[in-house]
Amino acid sequence: MEINILSFGKIAEFITINRLDTDEIFDTDGLKQQLEKTYPQLKEIKYKLALNKQIVQKNIELLPGDVVAIMPPFSGG
């Protein structure tokens, strides 16, 4: 399964991949575990995932071609 990866802010400094091709990741929890294993710096940062432009609040199944954004904390007004 191919997943498109977007990273922002300081996370983009160390996660430089645009795609992840795997048959071992089936949901957003699995993706977070794999990313934190591959990029240990991610464990030290609070971040959010967005799946297809929707902030992830719970574990969600991933489908081929999904777009996952990895975002550092942000604020706005």
C-alpha atoms as a PDB file:
ATOM      1  CA  MET A   1       0.000   0.000   0.000  1.00  0.00           C
ATOM      2  CA  GLU A   2       1.284   3.450  -0.876  1.00  0.00           C
ATOM      3  CA  ILE A   3       0.650   6.354   1.502  1.00  0.00           C
ATOM      4  CA  ASN A   4       1.499   9.954   0.593  1.00  0.00           C
ATOM      5  CA  ILE A   5       3.301  11.828   3.370  1.00  0.00           C
ATOM      6  CA  LEU A   6       3.347  15.593   3.922  1.00  0.00           C
ATOM      7  CA  SER A   7       5.397  17.055   6.758  1.00  0.00           C
ATOM      8  CA  PHE A   8       5.478  20.629   7.989  1.00  0.00           C
ATOM      9  CA  GLY A   9       7.571  22.939  10.157  1.00  0.00           C
ATOM     10  CA  LYS A  10      10.542  21.474  11.967  1.00  0.00           C
ATOM     11  CA  ILE A  11       9.190  17.977  11.325  1.00  0.00           C
ATOM     12  CA  ALA A  12       9.923  18.516   7.617  1.00  0.00           C
ATOM     13  CA  GLU A  13      13.588  18.954   8.519  1.00  0.00           C
ATOM     14  CA  PHE A  14      13.980  15.270   9.361  1.00  0.00           C
ATOM     15  CA  ILE A  15      11.054  13.551   7.649  1.00  0.00           C
ATOM     16  CA  THR A  16      12.004  14.099   4.040  1.00  0.00           C
ATOM     17  CA  ILE A  17      10.032  11.268   2.421  1.00  0.00           C
ATOM     18  CA  ASN A  18       6.972  11.995   0.277  1.00  0.00           C
ATOM     19  CA  ARG A  19       5.666   8.448   0.029  1.00  0.00           C
ATOM     20  CA  LEU A  20       5.667   5.361   2.164  1.00  0.00           C
ATOM     21  CA  ASP A  21       5.145   2.016   0.482  1.00  0.00           C
ATOM     22  CA  THR A  22       4.316  -0.697   2.992  1.00  0.00           C
ATOM     23  CA  ASP A  23       2.218  -3.776   3.485  1.00  0.00           C
ATOM     24  CA  GLU A  24       2.649  -3.675   7.263  1.00  0.00           C
ATOM     25  CA  ILE A  25       0.779  -0.489   8.201  1.00  0.00           C
ATOM     26  CA  PHE A  26      -3.012  -0.602   8.226  1.00  0.00           C
ATOM     27  CA  ASP A  27      -4.068   2.362  10.359  1.00  0.00           C
ATOM     28  CA  THR A  28      -2.951   5.706  11.751  1.00  0.00           C
ATOM     29  CA  ASP A  29      -1.744   4.186  15.041  1.00  0.00           C
ATOM     30  CA  GLY A  30       0.506   1.805  13.109  1.00  0.00           C
ATOM     31  CA  LEU A  31       1.788   4.673  10.994  1.00  0.00           C
ATOM     32  CA  LYS A  32       2.645   6.724  14.093  1.00  0.00           C
ATOM     33  CA  GLN A  33       4.520   3.767  15.595  1.00  0.00           C
ATOM     34  CA  GLN A  34       6.491   3.220  12.386  1.00  0.00           C
ATOM     35  CA  LEU A  35       7.325   6.906  11.991  1.00  0.00           C
ATOM     36  CA  GLU A  36       8.485   7.195  15.607  1.00  0.00           C
ATOM     37  CA  LYS A  37      10.630   4.084  15.174  1.00  0.00           C
ATOM     38  CA  THR A  38      12.194   5.410  11.963  1.00  0.00           C
ATOM     39  CA  TYR A  39      12.467   9.011  13.175  1.00  0.00           C
ATOM     40  CA  PRO A  40      13.072   8.952  16.960  1.00  0.00           C
ATOM     41  CA  GLN A  41      13.088  12.774  17.032  1.00  0.00           C
ATOM     42  CA  LEU A  42       9.337  12.603  16.451  1.00  0.00           C
ATOM     43  CA  LYS A  43       8.829  11.113  19.926  1.00  0.00           C
ATOM     44  CA  GLU A  44      10.176  14.333  21.443  1.00  0.00           C
ATOM     45  CA  ILE A  45       7.709  16.607  19.614  1.00  0.00           C
ATOM     46  CA  LYS A  46       3.988  17.017  20.059  1.00  0.00           C
ATOM     47  CA  TYR A  47       2.403  16.591  16.658  1.00  0.00           C
ATOM     48  CA  LYS A  48      -0.887  15.858  14.978  1.00  0.00           C
ATOM     49  CA  LEU A  49      -1.797  13.776  11.976  1.00  0.00           C
ATOM     50  CA  ALA A  50      -4.302  14.785   9.352  1.00  0.00           C
ATOM     51  CA  LEU A  51      -5.728  12.154   7.026  1.00  0.00           C
ATOM     52  CA  ASN A  52      -6.992  13.487   3.714  1.00  0.00           C
ATOM     53  CA  LYS A  53      -7.194  17.022   5.184  1.00  0.00           C
ATOM     54  CA  GLN A  54      -9.044  15.949   8.351  1.00  0.00           C
ATOM     55  CA  ILE A  55      -7.329  16.075  11.759  1.00  0.00           C
ATOM     56  CA  VAL A  56      -7.084  12.571  13.212  1.00  0.00           C
ATOM     57  CA  GLN A  57      -8.693  12.295  16.649  1.00  0.00           C
ATOM     58  CA  LYS A  58      -8.738   8.484  16.845  1.00  0.00           C
ATOM     59  CA  ASN A  59      -7.258   5.476  15.087  1.00  0.00           C
ATOM     60  CA  ILE A  60      -8.410   5.335  11.441  1.00  0.00           C
ATOM     61  CA  GLU A  61      -7.873   2.694   8.767  1.00  0.00           C
ATOM     62  CA  LEU A  62      -5.516   3.713   5.969  1.00  0.00           C
ATOM     63  CA  LEU A  63      -6.311   3.055   2.325  1.00  0.00           C
ATOM     64  CA  PRO A  64      -3.960   3.078  -0.681  1.00  0.00           C
ATOM     65  CA  GLY A  65      -3.344   6.609  -1.904  1.00  0.00           C
ATOM     66  CA  ASP A  66      -4.326   8.295   1.369  1.00  0.00           C
ATOM     67  CA  VAL A  67      -2.554  11.560   2.163  1.00  0.00           C
ATOM     68  CA  VAL A  68      -1.237  11.888   5.714  1.00  0.00           C
ATOM     69  CA  ALA A  69       0.060  15.226   6.956  1.00  0.00           C
ATOM     70  CA  ILE A  70       2.356  15.303   9.986  1.00  0.00           C
ATOM     71  CA  MET A  71       2.060  18.684  11.677  1.00  0.00           C
ATOM     72  CA  PRO A  72       3.833  20.284  14.616  1.00  0.00           C
ATOM     73  CA  PRO A  73       1.873  22.328  17.152  1.00  0.00           C
ATOM     74  CA  PHE A  74       0.367  25.459  15.694  1.00  0.00           C
ATOM     75  CA  SER A  75      -1.810  28.304  16.817  1.00  0.00           C
ATOM     76  CA  GLY A  76      -3.766  30.930  15.040  1.00  0.00           C
ATOM     77  CA  GLY A  77      -6.296  33.549  15.527  1.00  0.00           C
END
